[in-house]
N, C-alpha and C. Protein backbone atom coordinates (compact mmCIF):
# COMPACT_ATOMS: atom_id res chain seq x y z
N MET A 1 119.59 103.89 88.24
CA MET A 1 120.24 104.14 89.51
C MET A 1 119.53 103.30 90.58
N THR A 2 120.31 102.70 91.42
CA THR A 2 119.73 101.83 92.45
C THR A 2 119.06 102.65 93.56
N ALA A 3 118.19 101.98 94.28
CA ALA A 3 117.49 102.63 95.40
C ALA A 3 118.47 103.09 96.47
N GLN A 4 119.54 102.31 96.67
CA GLN A 4 120.53 102.67 97.70
C GLN A 4 121.20 104.00 97.35
N TRP A 5 121.58 104.17 96.09
CA TRP A 5 122.20 105.44 95.69
C TRP A 5 121.19 106.58 95.74
N GLN A 6 119.97 106.32 95.33
CA GLN A 6 118.95 107.37 95.39
C GLN A 6 118.73 107.84 96.82
N SER A 7 118.71 106.89 97.76
CA SER A 7 118.54 107.24 99.17
C SER A 7 119.69 108.12 99.65
N TRP A 8 120.90 107.77 99.25
CA TRP A 8 122.07 108.54 99.68
C TRP A 8 122.02 109.95 99.08
N LEU A 9 121.65 110.04 97.80
CA LEU A 9 121.59 111.35 97.14
C LEU A 9 120.49 112.23 97.72
N ARG A 10 119.44 111.61 98.25
CA ARG A 10 118.34 112.37 98.87
C ARG A 10 118.58 112.64 100.35
N HIS A 11 119.74 112.23 100.81
CA HIS A 11 120.14 112.43 102.22
C HIS A 11 119.26 111.64 103.19
N SER A 12 118.68 110.51 102.73
CA SER A 12 117.92 109.67 103.65
C SER A 12 118.79 108.58 104.27
N ARG A 13 120.03 108.51 103.84
CA ARG A 13 121.00 107.61 104.48
C ARG A 13 122.32 108.34 104.53
N GLU A 14 123.07 108.07 105.57
CA GLU A 14 124.33 108.79 105.78
C GLU A 14 125.46 108.30 104.89
N ASP A 15 125.61 106.98 104.80
CA ASP A 15 126.76 106.42 104.10
C ASP A 15 126.38 105.98 102.69
N THR A 16 127.36 106.05 101.80
CA THR A 16 127.13 105.54 100.45
C THR A 16 126.97 104.02 100.51
N PRO A 17 126.25 103.46 99.57
CA PRO A 17 126.08 102.01 99.58
C PRO A 17 127.41 101.30 99.30
N SER A 18 127.63 100.22 100.01
CA SER A 18 128.87 99.46 99.81
C SER A 18 128.71 98.56 98.58
N LEU A 19 129.83 98.15 98.03
CA LEU A 19 129.81 97.24 96.90
C LEU A 19 129.11 95.94 97.28
N GLU A 20 129.37 95.46 98.49
CA GLU A 20 128.73 94.23 98.97
C GLU A 20 127.20 94.39 99.01
N GLU A 21 126.74 95.53 99.49
CA GLU A 21 125.30 95.78 99.56
C GLU A 21 124.68 95.82 98.16
N LEU A 22 125.37 96.44 97.22
CA LEU A 22 124.85 96.52 95.85
C LEU A 22 124.81 95.14 95.19
N VAL A 23 125.84 94.33 95.42
CA VAL A 23 125.87 92.97 94.87
C VAL A 23 124.74 92.14 95.48
N GLN A 24 124.52 92.26 96.78
CA GLN A 24 123.44 91.52 97.43
C GLN A 24 122.08 91.92 96.86
N ASP A 25 121.92 93.21 96.54
CA ASP A 25 120.65 93.66 95.98
C ASP A 25 120.44 93.09 94.59
N ILE A 26 121.50 93.04 93.79
CA ILE A 26 121.40 92.44 92.46
C ILE A 26 121.02 90.97 92.57
N GLU A 27 121.66 90.26 93.49
CA GLU A 27 121.35 88.85 93.70
C GLU A 27 119.90 88.66 94.15
N ARG A 28 119.42 89.54 95.02
CA ARG A 28 118.03 89.48 95.49
C ARG A 28 117.06 89.69 94.33
N ARG A 29 117.33 90.69 93.48
CA ARG A 29 116.46 90.95 92.34
C ARG A 29 116.42 89.76 91.37
N GLU A 30 117.58 89.16 91.14
CA GLU A 30 117.63 87.99 90.27
C GLU A 30 116.84 86.82 90.87
N ARG A 31 116.94 86.65 92.18
CA ARG A 31 116.20 85.59 92.87
C ARG A 31 114.70 85.82 92.73
N VAL A 32 114.27 87.06 92.89
CA VAL A 32 112.85 87.39 92.76
C VAL A 32 112.37 87.13 91.34
N ARG A 33 113.17 87.50 90.35
CA ARG A 33 112.79 87.25 88.95
C ARG A 33 112.69 85.75 88.68
N ARG A 34 113.63 84.98 89.22
CA ARG A 34 113.63 83.54 89.03
C ARG A 34 112.36 82.92 89.64
N LEU A 35 112.04 83.35 90.86
CA LEU A 35 110.84 82.84 91.54
C LEU A 35 109.56 83.27 90.82
N ALA A 36 109.56 84.48 90.28
CA ALA A 36 108.39 84.95 89.52
C ALA A 36 108.21 84.12 88.26
N LYS A 37 109.32 83.77 87.62
CA LYS A 37 109.24 82.94 86.42
C LYS A 37 108.66 81.57 86.76
N ILE A 38 109.09 81.00 87.88
CA ILE A 38 108.55 79.71 88.33
C ILE A 38 107.05 79.83 88.60
N ALA A 39 106.66 80.91 89.26
CA ALA A 39 105.24 81.13 89.56
C ALA A 39 104.44 81.27 88.28
N ASP A 40 104.98 81.98 87.28
CA ASP A 40 104.29 82.12 86.01
C ASP A 40 104.15 80.78 85.30
N GLU A 41 105.18 79.94 85.38
CA GLU A 41 105.10 78.62 84.76
C GLU A 41 104.01 77.78 85.44
N ARG A 42 103.93 77.88 86.75
CA ARG A 42 102.86 77.17 87.48
C ARG A 42 101.50 77.71 87.08
N TRP A 43 101.41 79.02 86.92
CA TRP A 43 100.16 79.66 86.54
C TRP A 43 99.70 79.15 85.18
N ARG A 44 100.65 79.06 84.23
CA ARG A 44 100.30 78.57 82.90
C ARG A 44 99.82 77.12 82.94
N SER A 45 100.30 76.35 83.91
CA SER A 45 99.93 74.94 83.98
C SER A 45 98.56 74.72 84.65
N LEU A 46 98.00 75.77 85.25
CA LEU A 46 96.68 75.63 85.88
C LEU A 46 95.60 75.47 84.83
N GLY A 47 94.52 74.90 85.22
CA GLY A 47 93.38 74.76 84.32
C GLY A 47 92.66 76.08 84.15
N ALA A 48 91.82 76.16 83.14
CA ALA A 48 91.08 77.39 82.82
C ALA A 48 90.17 77.83 83.96
N GLY A 49 89.58 76.90 84.69
CA GLY A 49 88.68 77.25 85.79
C GLY A 49 89.39 77.97 86.91
N ALA A 50 90.58 77.50 87.27
CA ALA A 50 91.35 78.16 88.33
C ALA A 50 91.79 79.54 87.90
N LYS A 51 92.20 79.66 86.64
CA LYS A 51 92.64 80.97 86.12
C LYS A 51 91.48 81.97 86.13
N ALA A 52 90.30 81.52 85.74
CA ALA A 52 89.15 82.42 85.70
C ALA A 52 88.83 82.96 87.09
N GLY A 53 88.96 82.11 88.10
CA GLY A 53 88.70 82.56 89.46
C GLY A 53 89.67 83.64 89.92
N VAL A 54 90.93 83.47 89.59
CA VAL A 54 91.94 84.47 89.97
C VAL A 54 91.79 85.73 89.14
N GLU A 55 91.47 85.58 87.86
CA GLU A 55 91.30 86.75 87.00
C GLU A 55 90.16 87.64 87.49
N ARG A 56 89.12 87.02 88.07
CA ARG A 56 88.01 87.82 88.62
C ARG A 56 88.50 88.73 89.74
N LEU A 57 89.60 88.34 90.40
CA LEU A 57 90.15 89.17 91.47
C LEU A 57 90.96 90.33 90.92
N GLY A 58 91.26 90.32 89.62
CA GLY A 58 92.01 91.40 88.99
C GLY A 58 93.50 91.29 89.22
N ILE A 59 94.01 90.09 89.37
CA ILE A 59 95.45 89.90 89.60
C ILE A 59 96.08 89.45 88.30
N GLY A 60 97.13 90.15 87.86
CA GLY A 60 97.81 89.78 86.63
C GLY A 60 99.04 88.94 86.92
N SER A 61 99.78 88.61 85.88
CA SER A 61 101.01 87.82 86.02
C SER A 61 102.17 88.71 86.43
N SER A 62 103.27 88.10 86.83
CA SER A 62 104.45 88.88 87.19
C SER A 62 105.02 89.58 85.97
N GLU A 63 104.87 88.98 84.78
CA GLU A 63 105.34 89.63 83.56
C GLU A 63 104.58 90.94 83.34
N GLU A 64 103.28 90.91 83.57
CA GLU A 64 102.47 92.12 83.43
C GLU A 64 102.90 93.17 84.46
N ALA A 65 103.19 92.72 85.66
CA ALA A 65 103.60 93.65 86.71
C ALA A 65 104.92 94.31 86.36
N LEU A 66 105.88 93.53 85.84
CA LEU A 66 107.17 94.10 85.47
C LEU A 66 107.04 95.11 84.34
N GLN A 67 106.05 94.92 83.48
CA GLN A 67 105.82 95.85 82.38
C GLN A 67 104.90 97.00 82.78
N GLY A 68 104.38 96.96 84.01
CA GLY A 68 103.49 98.01 84.47
C GLY A 68 102.07 97.85 83.98
N ASN A 69 101.70 96.65 83.53
CA ASN A 69 100.36 96.43 82.97
C ASN A 69 99.41 95.71 83.92
N SER A 70 99.84 95.47 85.13
CA SER A 70 98.99 94.72 86.05
C SER A 70 97.99 95.63 86.72
N PRO A 71 96.72 95.23 86.78
CA PRO A 71 95.71 96.07 87.42
C PRO A 71 95.98 96.27 88.91
N VAL A 72 96.75 95.41 89.53
CA VAL A 72 97.05 95.54 90.95
C VAL A 72 97.86 96.80 91.21
N PHE A 73 98.68 97.20 90.24
CA PHE A 73 99.56 98.34 90.43
C PHE A 73 99.01 99.64 89.86
N ASP A 74 97.83 99.58 89.29
CA ASP A 74 97.21 100.81 88.77
C ASP A 74 96.77 101.68 89.93
N GLY A 75 96.90 102.97 89.71
CA GLY A 75 96.66 103.77 90.71
C GLY A 75 95.88 104.55 91.43
């Protein structure tokens, strides 16, 4: 269930989400996934030294985040 419908069901928004709004949200999510894939490809192309520096910060890849395995999202 989309966030827009959840908001309406919880009475945090007055009107039901429009079809246009739902389509725009799907397009936004696809755009974010596409950009995350590009970022992951760039990440893979980095040298080992650059990766080690970022890994020390505890930041995982977008794939890990989507799977819930990123330390950034642990709670």
